[in-house]
């Protein structure tokens, strides 16, 4: 049992008992047995997520795992399945209008709700009745000069006997970085020769945004990489042509 100390505000764990919570590893939704094909048709065919292979020891349970950008979404079979019609995962997207149109064309009618400051959003139910929220930030592109240099260093879980592509969860990490590049968040990335570091050039509004987004990298959550330094970069000569969508 962890100890707690009372302050004038809410109850907080004592400093000695505190741990670092960095990000959600994945979102879990339930589904009925035997309907994996319906899950694939919606989550991959309509939403555009990529299916992940389940570990062999879990595959026999049924269900399907998906990923897209920083999102990892798992559907697990529940013998006593009941759709989650209120509780829901909020999913950040680009191109909400087009995605909502794809959902409607496939028979999944988007539903609007009360406005949420800073976002456009709709709700849609998956083939099993689970509620999903699709959100797109409004006017979220940072100013052109908000460019940062980021150093990411090898963490304690790095296996020095393996090459880059041989590290654990390589495919998930590569897909995560590809999504950041497609989003316009990462402009340049690569290892620094003869060091344990990689250099990223990114566009972002704040250092906090960078640390939060990189914390969702599978290589952050499994201890292979740590973000060791974030510095605003004053570009004096040359140009970076890519801009965020």
C-alpha atoms as a PDB file:
ATOM      1  CA  UNK A   1       0.000   0.000   0.000  1.00  0.00           C
ATOM      2  CA  UNK A   2       1.462   3.360  -0.969  1.00  0.00           C
ATOM      3  CA  UNK A   3       1.627   6.163   1.570  1.00  0.00           C
ATOM      4  CA  UNK A   4      -0.116   9.455   0.939  1.00  0.00           C
ATOM      5  CA  UNK A   5       0.294  12.919   2.357  1.00  0.00           C
ATOM      6  CA  UNK A   6      -2.506  15.424   2.840  1.00  0.00           C
ATOM      7  CA  UNK A   7      -2.145  18.918   1.449  1.00  0.00           C
ATOM      8  CA  UNK A   8      -4.656  21.711   1.121  1.00  0.00           C
ATOM      9  CA  UNK A   9      -5.586  20.207  -2.262  1.00  0.00           C
ATOM     10  CA  UNK A  10      -6.353  16.613  -3.298  1.00  0.00           C
ATOM     11  CA  UNK A  11      -4.655  13.558  -1.839  1.00  0.00           C
ATOM     12  CA  UNK A  12      -1.249  12.977  -3.412  1.00  0.00           C
ATOM     13  CA  UNK A  13       1.156  10.019  -3.148  1.00  0.00           C
ATOM     14  CA  UNK A  14       4.291  10.721  -1.157  1.00  0.00           C
ATOM     15  CA  UNK A  15       7.329  11.603  -3.243  1.00  0.00           C
ATOM     16  CA  UNK A  16       9.016   8.310  -2.289  1.00  0.00           C
ATOM     17  CA  UNK A  17       6.044   6.351  -3.615  1.00  0.00           C
ATOM     18  CA  UNK A  18       5.592   8.248  -6.865  1.00  0.00           C
ATOM     19  CA  UNK A  19       6.391   6.693 -10.228  1.00  0.00           C
ATOM     20  CA  UNK A  20       6.506   8.246 -13.680  1.00  0.00           C
ATOM     21  CA  UNK A  21       3.384   7.756 -15.780  1.00  0.00           C
ATOM     22  CA  UNK A  22       4.412   8.633 -19.343  1.00  0.00           C
ATOM     23  CA  UNK A  23       1.606   7.644 -21.731  1.00  0.00           C
ATOM     24  CA  UNK A  24      -1.098   5.155 -22.623  1.00  0.00           C
ATOM     25  CA  UNK A  25       0.390   2.039 -24.175  1.00  0.00           C
ATOM     26  CA  UNK A  26      -2.856   1.088 -25.927  1.00  0.00           C
ATOM     27  CA  UNK A  27      -6.642   1.388 -25.813  1.00  0.00           C
ATOM     28  CA  UNK A  28      -8.701  -1.772 -25.296  1.00  0.00           C
ATOM     29  CA  UNK A  29     -12.242  -2.264 -26.634  1.00  0.00           C
ATOM     30  CA  UNK A  30     -14.381  -5.380 -26.368  1.00  0.00           C
ATOM     31  CA  UNK A  31     -15.959  -7.253 -29.260  1.00  0.00           C
ATOM     32  CA  UNK A  32     -18.120 -10.375 -29.672  1.00  0.00           C
ATOM     33  CA  UNK A  33     -16.524 -13.675 -30.639  1.00  0.00           C
ATOM     34  CA  UNK A  34     -16.102 -14.633 -34.285  1.00  0.00           C
ATOM     35  CA  UNK A  35     -16.380 -11.169 -35.821  1.00  0.00           C
ATOM     36  CA  UNK A  36     -12.755 -10.368 -36.568  1.00  0.00           C
ATOM     37  CA  UNK A  37     -13.587  -9.867 -40.268  1.00  0.00           C
ATOM     38  CA  UNK A  38     -16.058  -7.105 -39.333  1.00  0.00           C
ATOM     39  CA  UNK A  39     -13.407  -5.478 -37.146  1.00  0.00           C
ATOM     40  CA  UNK A  40     -10.882  -5.499 -39.986  1.00  0.00           C
ATOM     41  CA  UNK A  41     -13.406  -4.117 -42.485  1.00  0.00           C
ATOM     42  CA  UNK A  42     -14.157  -1.131 -40.242  1.00  0.00           C
ATOM     43  CA  UNK A  43     -10.925  -0.320 -38.412  1.00  0.00           C
ATOM     44  CA  UNK A  44      -8.609  -1.020 -41.363  1.00  0.00           C
ATOM     45  CA  UNK A  45     -10.955  -0.630 -44.339  1.00  0.00           C
ATOM     46  CA  UNK A  46     -12.794   2.495 -43.185  1.00  0.00           C
ATOM     47  CA  UNK A  47     -10.638   4.191 -40.547  1.00  0.00           C
ATOM     48  CA  UNK A  48      -7.364   3.250 -42.259  1.00  0.00           C
ATOM     49  CA  UNK A  49      -5.606   1.695 -39.269  1.00  0.00           C
ATOM     50  CA  UNK A  50      -2.935  -0.978 -39.759  1.00  0.00           C
ATOM     51  CA  UNK A  51      -3.401  -4.438 -38.288  1.00  0.00           C
ATOM     52  CA  UNK A  52      -0.718  -5.658 -35.885  1.00  0.00           C
ATOM     53  CA  UNK A  53       0.068  -9.309 -35.342  1.00  0.00           C
ATOM     54  CA  UNK A  54      -0.935 -10.535 -31.902  1.00  0.00           C
ATOM     55  CA  UNK A  55       1.673 -12.463 -29.901  1.00  0.00           C
ATOM     56  CA  UNK A  56       1.235 -16.215 -30.460  1.00  0.00           C
ATOM     57  CA  UNK A  57       0.286 -16.830 -26.834  1.00  0.00           C
ATOM     58  CA  UNK A  58      -2.593 -14.324 -27.136  1.00  0.00           C
ATOM     59  CA  UNK A  59      -3.742 -15.013 -30.700  1.00  0.00           C
ATOM     60  CA  UNK A  60      -5.802 -18.043 -29.674  1.00  0.00           C
ATOM     61  CA  UNK A  61      -8.099 -15.769 -27.681  1.00  0.00           C
ATOM     62  CA  UNK A  62      -9.352 -14.078 -30.857  1.00  0.00           C
ATOM     63  CA  UNK A  63      -9.702 -10.350 -31.365  1.00  0.00           C
ATOM     64  CA  UNK A  64      -7.618  -7.983 -33.500  1.00  0.00           C
ATOM     65  CA  UNK A  65      -4.957  -5.355 -32.784  1.00  0.00           C
ATOM     66  CA  UNK A  66      -4.512  -2.156 -34.797  1.00  0.00           C
ATOM     67  CA  UNK A  67      -2.180   0.828 -34.870  1.00  0.00           C
ATOM     68  CA  UNK A  68      -2.041   4.224 -36.552  1.00  0.00           C
ATOM     69  CA  UNK A  69       0.368   7.045 -35.702  1.00  0.00           C
ATOM     70  CA  UNK A  70       0.741   7.052 -31.907  1.00  0.00           C
ATOM     71  CA  UNK A  71      -2.518   5.111 -31.477  1.00  0.00           C
ATOM     72  CA  UNK A  72      -2.520   1.418 -30.571  1.00  0.00           C
ATOM     73  CA  UNK A  73      -6.036  -0.002 -30.377  1.00  0.00           C
ATOM     74  CA  UNK A  74      -6.776  -3.561 -29.288  1.00  0.00           C
ATOM     75  CA  UNK A  75     -10.097  -5.358 -29.696  1.00  0.00           C
ATOM     76  CA  UNK A  76     -10.485  -8.306 -27.355  1.00  0.00           C
ATOM     77  CA  UNK A  77     -13.197 -10.957 -27.362  1.00  0.00           C
ATOM     78  CA  UNK A  78     -15.587 -10.776 -24.406  1.00  0.00           C
ATOM     79  CA  UNK A  79     -17.925 -13.796 -24.022  1.00  0.00           C
ATOM     80  CA  UNK A  80     -20.366 -11.521 -22.169  1.00  0.00           C
ATOM     81  CA  UNK A  81     -19.977  -8.689 -24.664  1.00  0.00           C
ATOM     82  CA  UNK A  82     -21.834  -5.435 -24.117  1.00  0.00           C
ATOM     83  CA  UNK A  83     -21.127  -2.439 -26.332  1.00  0.00           C
ATOM     84  CA  UNK A  84     -19.513   0.634 -24.744  1.00  0.00           C
ATOM     85  CA  UNK A  85     -22.107   3.229 -25.766  1.00  0.00           C
ATOM     86  CA  UNK A  86     -20.933   6.006 -23.427  1.00  0.00           C
ATOM     87  CA  UNK A  87     -17.301   5.403 -22.477  1.00  0.00           C
ATOM     88  CA  UNK A  88     -15.157   5.857 -25.585  1.00  0.00           C
ATOM     89  CA  UNK A  89     -11.624   6.492 -26.871  1.00  0.00           C
ATOM     90  CA  UNK A  90     -11.040   9.993 -28.328  1.00  0.00           C
ATOM     91  CA  UNK A  91      -8.985   9.570 -31.516  1.00  0.00           C
ATOM     92  CA  UNK A  92      -7.083  12.499 -33.038  1.00  0.00           C
ATOM     93  CA  UNK A  93      -7.207  12.576 -36.841  1.00  0.00           C
ATOM     94  CA  UNK A  94      -6.231  14.689 -39.833  1.00  0.00           C
ATOM     95  CA  UNK A  95      -8.862  15.061 -42.537  1.00  0.00           C
ATOM     96  CA  UNK A  96     -11.939  14.659 -40.349  1.00  0.00           C
ATOM     97  CA  UNK A  97     -14.357  15.696 -43.092  1.00  0.00           C
ATOM     98  CA  UNK A  98     -13.108  13.011 -45.474  1.00  0.00           C
ATOM     99  CA  UNK A  99     -13.003  10.381 -42.741  1.00  0.00           C
ATOM    100  CA  UNK A 100     -16.567  11.161 -41.663  1.00  0.00           C
ATOM    101  CA  UNK A 101     -17.674  10.844 -45.291  1.00  0.00           C
ATOM    102  CA  UNK A 102     -15.981   7.424 -45.558  1.00  0.00           C
ATOM    103  CA  UNK A 103     -17.753   6.289 -42.407  1.00  0.00           C
ATOM    104  CA  UNK A 104     -21.123   7.450 -43.748  1.00  0.00           C
ATOM    105  CA  UNK A 105     -20.548   5.780 -47.129  1.00  0.00           C
ATOM    106  CA  UNK A 106     -19.771   2.497 -45.349  1.00  0.00           C
ATOM    107  CA  UNK A 107     -22.961   2.686 -43.291  1.00  0.00           C
ATOM    108  CA  UNK A 108     -21.497   4.096 -40.069  1.00  0.00           C
ATOM    109  CA  UNK A 109     -23.334   7.393 -39.618  1.00  0.00           C
ATOM    110  CA  UNK A 110     -21.313  10.137 -37.873  1.00  0.00           C
ATOM    111  CA  UNK A 111     -23.114  11.996 -35.084  1.00  0.00           C
ATOM    112  CA  UNK A 112     -22.271  15.536 -33.973  1.00  0.00           C
ATOM    113  CA  UNK A 113     -22.376  16.770 -30.382  1.00  0.00           C
ATOM    114  CA  UNK A 114     -21.916  19.959 -28.387  1.00  0.00           C
ATOM    115  CA  UNK A 115     -18.920  22.012 -29.610  1.00  0.00           C
ATOM    116  CA  UNK A 116     -15.533  21.393 -27.999  1.00  0.00           C
ATOM    117  CA  UNK A 117     -13.243  24.421 -27.962  1.00  0.00           C
ATOM    118  CA  UNK A 118     -10.338  24.065 -30.391  1.00  0.00           C
ATOM    119  CA  UNK A 119     -11.635  20.927 -32.123  1.00  0.00           C
ATOM    120  CA  UNK A 120     -13.978  19.683 -34.806  1.00  0.00           C
ATOM    121  CA  UNK A 121     -15.404  16.314 -33.826  1.00  0.00           C
ATOM    122  CA  UNK A 122     -17.929  13.592 -34.556  1.00  0.00           C
ATOM    123  CA  UNK A 123     -18.932  10.348 -32.910  1.00  0.00           C
ATOM    124  CA  UNK A 124     -19.283   7.064 -34.750  1.00  0.00           C
ATOM    125  CA  UNK A 125     -20.071   3.541 -33.576  1.00  0.00           C
ATOM    126  CA  UNK A 126     -18.034   0.547 -34.712  1.00  0.00           C
ATOM    127  CA  UNK A 127     -19.744  -2.620 -36.085  1.00  0.00           C
ATOM    128  CA  UNK A 128     -20.307  -3.818 -32.505  1.00  0.00           C
ATOM    129  CA  UNK A 129     -21.850  -0.610 -31.143  1.00  0.00           C
ATOM    130  CA  UNK A 130     -18.716   0.712 -29.375  1.00  0.00           C
ATOM    131  CA  UNK A 131     -18.634   4.504 -29.414  1.00  0.00           C
ATOM    132  CA  UNK A 132     -15.616   6.301 -30.910  1.00  0.00           C
ATOM    133  CA  UNK A 133     -14.871  10.031 -30.888  1.00  0.00           C
ATOM    134  CA  UNK A 134     -12.952  11.402 -33.885  1.00  0.00           C
ATOM    135  CA  UNK A 135     -11.371  14.814 -33.291  1.00  0.00           C
ATOM    136  CA  UNK A 136      -9.372  17.204 -35.437  1.00  0.00           C
ATOM    137  CA  UNK A 137      -7.660  20.249 -33.878  1.00  0.00           C
ATOM    138  CA  UNK A 138      -8.524  23.604 -35.430  1.00  0.00           C
ATOM    139  CA  UNK A 139      -5.722  25.947 -36.518  1.00  0.00           C
ATOM    140  CA  UNK A 140      -3.120  23.859 -34.739  1.00  0.00           C
ATOM    141  CA  UNK A 141      -0.143  24.531 -37.028  1.00  0.00           C
ATOM    142  CA  UNK A 142       2.730  26.226 -35.176  1.00  0.00           C
ATOM    143  CA  UNK A 143       4.460  29.327 -36.489  1.00  0.00           C
ATOM    144  CA  UNK A 144       7.104  28.620 -39.192  1.00  0.00           C
ATOM    145  CA  UNK A 145       9.975  29.518 -36.844  1.00  0.00           C
ATOM    146  CA  UNK A 146       8.919  27.032 -34.140  1.00  0.00           C
ATOM    147  CA  UNK A 147      11.670  24.579 -35.025  1.00  0.00           C
ATOM    148  CA  UNK A 148      13.419  22.441 -32.408  1.00  0.00           C
ATOM    149  CA  UNK A 149      16.475  20.210 -32.311  1.00  0.00           C
ATOM    150  CA  UNK A 150      15.824  17.086 -30.238  1.00  0.00           C
ATOM    151  CA  UNK A 151      18.395  14.585 -28.970  1.00  0.00           C
ATOM    152  CA  UNK A 152      17.138  11.096 -28.215  1.00  0.00           C
ATOM    153  CA  UNK A 153      19.560   8.766 -26.451  1.00  0.00           C
ATOM    154  CA  UNK A 154      19.698   5.001 -26.086  1.00  0.00           C
ATOM    155  CA  UNK A 155      17.945   3.875 -22.924  1.00  0.00           C
ATOM    156  CA  UNK A 156      18.696   1.054 -20.482  1.00  0.00           C
ATOM    157  CA  UNK A 157      16.805  -1.530 -22.571  1.00  0.00           C
ATOM    158  CA  UNK A 158      18.973  -1.002 -25.674  1.00  0.00           C
ATOM    159  CA  UNK A 159      20.622  -4.242 -26.822  1.00  0.00           C
ATOM    160  CA  UNK A 160      24.136  -3.337 -27.959  1.00  0.00           C
ATOM    161  CA  UNK A 161      24.472  -6.752 -29.622  1.00  0.00           C
ATOM    162  CA  UNK A 162      21.654  -5.998 -32.066  1.00  0.00           C
ATOM    163  CA  UNK A 163      21.548  -3.512 -35.000  1.00  0.00           C
ATOM    164  CA  UNK A 164      18.999  -0.715 -35.116  1.00  0.00           C
ATOM    165  CA  UNK A 165      16.436  -2.807 -36.984  1.00  0.00           C
ATOM    166  CA  UNK A 166      17.008  -5.723 -34.616  1.00  0.00           C
ATOM    167  CA  UNK A 167      15.885  -3.889 -31.491  1.00  0.00           C
ATOM    168  CA  UNK A 168      12.626  -4.925 -29.817  1.00  0.00           C
ATOM    169  CA  UNK A 169       9.428  -3.430 -31.309  1.00  0.00           C
ATOM    170  CA  UNK A 170      11.299  -2.073 -34.352  1.00  0.00           C
ATOM    171  CA  UNK A 171       8.255  -2.282 -36.641  1.00  0.00           C
ATOM    172  CA  UNK A 172       6.026  -0.396 -34.191  1.00  0.00           C
ATOM    173  CA  UNK A 173       8.700   2.282 -33.649  1.00  0.00           C
ATOM    174  CA  UNK A 174       9.278   2.695 -37.403  1.00  0.00           C
ATOM    175  CA  UNK A 175       5.535   3.053 -38.023  1.00  0.00           C
ATOM    176  CA  UNK A 176       5.294   5.630 -35.233  1.00  0.00           C
ATOM    177  CA  UNK A 177       8.127   7.722 -36.689  1.00  0.00           C
ATOM    178  CA  UNK A 178       6.710   7.430 -40.216  1.00  0.00           C
ATOM    179  CA  UNK A 179       3.418   8.829 -38.929  1.00  0.00           C
ATOM    180  CA  UNK A 180       5.179  11.783 -37.249  1.00  0.00           C
ATOM    181  CA  UNK A 181       6.982  12.500 -40.514  1.00  0.00           C
ATOM    182  CA  UNK A 182       3.780  12.319 -42.570  1.00  0.00           C
ATOM    183  CA  UNK A 183       2.143  14.654 -40.053  1.00  0.00           C
ATOM    184  CA  UNK A 184       4.875  17.254 -40.616  1.00  0.00           C
ATOM    185  CA  UNK A 185       5.933  17.083 -36.967  1.00  0.00           C
ATOM    186  CA  UNK A 186       9.305  15.457 -37.718  1.00  0.00           C
ATOM    187  CA  UNK A 187      11.244  17.113 -40.545  1.00  0.00           C
ATOM    188  CA  UNK A 188      14.611  15.339 -40.328  1.00  0.00           C
ATOM    189  CA  UNK A 189      15.830  12.404 -38.268  1.00  0.00           C
ATOM    190  CA  UNK A 190      18.904  10.202 -38.085  1.00  0.00           C
ATOM    191  CA  UNK A 191      21.559   8.763 -35.751  1.00  0.00           C
ATOM    192  CA  UNK A 192      24.656  10.795 -34.870  1.00  0.00           C
ATOM    193  CA  UNK A 193      27.686   8.744 -35.872  1.00  0.00           C
ATOM    194  CA  UNK A 194      29.965   7.484 -33.073  1.00  0.00           C
ATOM    195  CA  UNK A 195      27.421   8.454 -30.389  1.00  0.00           C
ATOM    196  CA  UNK A 196      24.460   6.842 -28.632  1.00  0.00           C
ATOM    197  CA  UNK A 197      22.168   9.629 -29.839  1.00  0.00           C
ATOM    198  CA  UNK A 198      19.791  10.395 -32.674  1.00  0.00           C
ATOM    199  CA  UNK A 199      18.994  13.914 -33.851  1.00  0.00           C
ATOM    200  CA  UNK A 200      15.475  15.009 -34.754  1.00  0.00           C
ATOM    201  CA  UNK A 201      14.486  18.343 -36.271  1.00  0.00           C
ATOM    202  CA  UNK A 202      10.827  18.968 -35.501  1.00  0.00           C
ATOM    203  CA  UNK A 203       8.158  21.632 -35.799  1.00  0.00           C
ATOM    204  CA  UNK A 204       6.090  22.156 -32.669  1.00  0.00           C
ATOM    205  CA  UNK A 205       4.415  24.832 -30.599  1.00  0.00           C
ATOM    206  CA  UNK A 206       6.221  24.032 -27.336  1.00  0.00           C
ATOM    207  CA  UNK A 207       8.821  21.752 -25.780  1.00  0.00           C
ATOM    208  CA  UNK A 208       6.008  20.108 -23.806  1.00  0.00           C
ATOM    209  CA  UNK A 209       4.247  19.107 -27.032  1.00  0.00           C
ATOM    210  CA  UNK A 210       7.439  17.419 -28.230  1.00  0.00           C
ATOM    211  CA  UNK A 211       7.993  15.485 -25.017  1.00  0.00           C
ATOM    212  CA  UNK A 212       4.369  14.355 -24.821  1.00  0.00           C
ATOM    213  CA  UNK A 213       4.273  13.143 -28.432  1.00  0.00           C
ATOM    214  CA  UNK A 214       7.613  11.334 -28.232  1.00  0.00           C
ATOM    215  CA  UNK A 215       6.592   9.692 -24.948  1.00  0.00           C
ATOM    216  CA  UNK A 216       4.042   7.696 -26.975  1.00  0.00           C
ATOM    217  CA  UNK A 217       6.810   6.129 -29.106  1.00  0.00           C
ATOM    218  CA  UNK A 218       6.950   2.356 -28.425  1.00  0.00           C
ATOM    219  CA  UNK A 219      10.704   2.784 -27.954  1.00  0.00           C
ATOM    220  CA  UNK A 220      10.011   5.322 -25.190  1.00  0.00           C
ATOM    221  CA  UNK A 221       7.551   3.102 -23.342  1.00  0.00           C
ATOM    222  CA  UNK A 222       9.846   0.046 -23.487  1.00  0.00           C
ATOM    223  CA  UNK A 223      13.010   1.906 -22.410  1.00  0.00           C
ATOM    224  CA  UNK A 224      14.958   1.796 -25.688  1.00  0.00           C
ATOM    225  CA  UNK A 225      15.043   5.589 -26.155  1.00  0.00           C
ATOM    226  CA  UNK A 226      14.877   8.606 -23.858  1.00  0.00           C
ATOM    227  CA  UNK A 227      14.451  12.216 -24.902  1.00  0.00           C
ATOM    228  CA  UNK A 228      17.589  13.756 -23.443  1.00  0.00           C
ATOM    229  CA  UNK A 229      17.480  17.317 -24.783  1.00  0.00           C
ATOM    230  CA  UNK A 230      15.047  19.654 -26.541  1.00  0.00           C
ATOM    231  CA  UNK A 231      16.295  23.040 -27.777  1.00  0.00           C
ATOM    232  CA  UNK A 232      14.675  25.683 -29.913  1.00  0.00           C
ATOM    233  CA  UNK A 233      16.688  25.964 -33.141  1.00  0.00           C
ATOM    234  CA  UNK A 234      17.258  29.356 -34.706  1.00  0.00           C
ATOM    235  CA  UNK A 235      17.668  28.629 -38.390  1.00  0.00           C
ATOM    236  CA  UNK A 236      19.851  31.452 -39.786  1.00  0.00           C
ATOM    237  CA  UNK A 237      20.742  30.115 -43.225  1.00  0.00           C
ATOM    238  CA  UNK A 238      18.806  27.821 -45.543  1.00  0.00           C
ATOM    239  CA  UNK A 239      15.206  26.681 -45.349  1.00  0.00           C
ATOM    240  CA  UNK A 240      13.021  23.749 -44.383  1.00  0.00           C
ATOM    241  CA  UNK A 241      10.399  23.382 -47.080  1.00  0.00           C
ATOM    242  CA  UNK A 242       8.003  20.991 -45.384  1.00  0.00           C
ATOM    243  CA  UNK A 243       5.115  22.434 -43.402  1.00  0.00           C
ATOM    244  CA  UNK A 244       2.575  20.724 -41.224  1.00  0.00           C
ATOM    245  CA  UNK A 245      -0.744  19.911 -42.903  1.00  0.00           C
END
